Protein backbone atom coordinates (compact mmCIF):
# COMPACT_ATOMS: atom_id res chain seq x y z
CA MET A 1 21.86 -12.74 -15.41
CA ARG A 2 20.97 -9.41 -16.94
CA TYR A 3 21.97 -6.24 -15.13
CA ILE A 4 19.83 -3.17 -15.50
CA GLN A 5 21.33 0.26 -15.19
CA TYR A 6 19.25 2.71 -13.19
CA THR A 7 19.64 6.45 -13.02
CA PRO A 8 19.53 8.12 -9.59
CA ASP A 9 16.00 9.37 -10.39
CA GLU A 10 14.85 5.85 -11.26
CA VAL A 11 16.36 4.50 -8.06
CA GLU A 12 14.50 7.20 -6.11
CA VAL A 13 11.19 6.18 -7.70
CA LEU A 14 11.78 2.48 -7.00
CA MET A 15 12.78 3.21 -3.39
CA SER A 16 9.64 5.29 -2.92
CA CYS A 17 7.62 2.39 -4.32
CA LEU A 18 9.24 0.03 -1.80
CA LEU A 19 8.44 2.40 1.06
CA LEU A 20 4.87 2.76 -0.19
CA ALA A 21 4.52 -1.03 -0.36
CA ARG A 22 5.87 -1.39 3.18
CA GLU A 23 3.39 1.19 4.48
CA ALA A 24 0.53 -0.53 2.63
CA PHE A 25 1.44 -3.93 4.06
CA THR A 26 1.61 -2.41 7.54
CA LEU A 27 -1.90 -1.03 7.09
CA ILE A 28 -3.20 -4.37 5.79
CA ARG A 29 -1.56 -6.14 8.75
CA ASN A 30 -3.15 -3.71 11.20
CA LEU A 31 -6.56 -4.15 9.59
CA GLY A 32 -6.16 -7.86 10.28
CA LEU A 33 -5.41 -7.18 13.95
CA GLY A 34 -1.67 -7.00 13.52
CA ARG A 35 0.57 -9.69 14.86
CA LEU A 36 -2.11 -11.25 17.05
CA GLY A 37 -3.55 -13.04 14.05
CA LEU A 38 -0.20 -14.65 13.33
CA TYR A 39 0.81 -15.84 16.79
CA ASP A 40 -2.44 -16.40 18.66
CA LEU A 41 -4.09 -19.59 17.41
CA ASP A 42 -7.38 -18.85 19.17
CA ASN A 43 -7.28 -15.20 18.13
CA PRO A 44 -9.65 -14.01 20.86
CA SER A 45 -9.29 -10.40 19.74
CA LEU A 46 -11.02 -11.24 16.45
CA ASP A 47 -14.01 -12.50 18.42
CA ALA A 48 -14.23 -9.08 20.07
CA LEU A 49 -14.86 -7.35 16.74
CA SER A 50 -18.30 -6.97 15.24
CA GLU A 51 -19.06 -8.59 11.92
CA GLU A 52 -19.48 -5.09 10.45
CA THR A 53 -15.97 -4.07 11.56
CA VAL A 54 -14.48 -7.22 10.07
CA ARG A 55 -16.29 -6.53 6.78
CA GLN A 56 -15.14 -2.90 6.73
CA ASN A 57 -11.53 -3.90 7.40
CA LEU A 58 -11.66 -6.54 4.68
CA ASN A 59 -13.11 -4.02 2.23
CA ILE A 60 -10.38 -1.47 3.00
CA ALA A 61 -7.67 -4.12 2.69
CA GLY A 62 -9.09 -5.20 -0.67
CA GLN A 63 -9.17 -1.62 -1.96
CA LEU A 64 -5.57 -1.07 -0.92
CA ALA A 65 -4.44 -4.37 -2.43
CA GLU A 66 -6.09 -3.38 -5.71
CA ALA A 67 -4.29 -0.04 -5.71
CA MET A 68 -0.94 -1.67 -4.94
CA HIS A 69 -1.47 -4.40 -7.53
CA HIS A 70 0.06 -2.14 -10.17
CA LEU A 71 3.39 -1.47 -8.49
CA PRO A 72 6.05 -1.29 -11.20
CA VAL A 73 8.26 -4.33 -11.72
CA ASP A 74 11.03 -2.48 -13.52
CA LYS A 75 12.02 0.97 -14.69
CA ASP A 76 10.00 0.64 -17.90
CA SER A 77 6.67 0.07 -16.12
CA VAL A 78 5.51 3.67 -16.47
CA ASN A 79 1.92 2.71 -17.28
CA ASP A 80 1.74 0.49 -14.19
CA LEU A 81 3.17 3.28 -12.06
CA GLU A 82 0.64 5.82 -13.31
CA CYS A 83 -2.19 3.32 -12.82
CA MET A 84 -1.01 2.58 -9.28
CA LEU A 85 -0.86 6.30 -8.45
CA LEU A 86 -4.36 6.83 -9.84
CA HIS A 87 -5.75 3.93 -7.79
CA MET A 88 -3.89 5.11 -4.69
CA GLU A 89 -5.46 8.54 -5.10
CA GLN A 90 -8.89 6.90 -5.31
CA PHE A 91 -8.14 4.78 -2.25
CA LEU A 92 -7.06 7.78 -0.19
CA SER A 93 -10.09 9.82 -1.23
CA LYS A 94 -12.38 6.98 -0.09
CA ASN A 95 -10.54 6.52 3.21
CA PRO A 96 -9.53 9.97 4.54
CA PRO A 97 -8.84 8.87 8.15
CA LEU A 98 -6.16 6.46 6.92
CA GLU A 99 -4.36 9.30 5.15
CA GLU A 100 -3.66 10.85 8.55
CA GLN A 101 -2.56 7.59 10.18
CA TYR A 102 -0.31 6.22 7.43
CA ARG A 103 2.24 7.76 5.08
CA LEU A 104 0.67 6.49 1.87
CA ARG A 105 0.10 10.04 0.60
CA VAL A 106 3.65 11.10 1.44
CA PHE A 107 5.17 8.25 -0.56
CA SER A 108 2.76 8.48 -3.50
CA ASP A 109 3.29 12.24 -3.73
CA GLY A 110 7.05 11.63 -3.65
CA ILE A 111 6.70 9.25 -6.58
CA LYS A 112 4.62 11.80 -8.50
CA GLU A 113 7.27 14.47 -7.95
CA SER A 114 10.04 12.14 -9.07
CA ILE A 115 8.36 11.23 -12.36
CA SER A 116 7.10 14.68 -13.32
């Protein structure tokens, strides 16, 4: 097994990426009606949503998944990190209400500060 040495700054970036990923997964879960979809086999709450709302939620979840697709896998993934930050910025600009409800901006800005 290979051990990788990380500087405190690199650890801070990776921790911010983990927090960003957690926040993104929370948003995706909530777009899919949260825990109800997991535990309720009939999922009556999904039936209460309009087809348009389901489509909008799926579109937002897809946009966020695309942005998060480039999370770095190690400390040398600088290009992936910059690509992820660019896509996250695009996602937030397309979905301003989510910026207020979730801490995606806080974590992505923290990453930007750490790498600049």
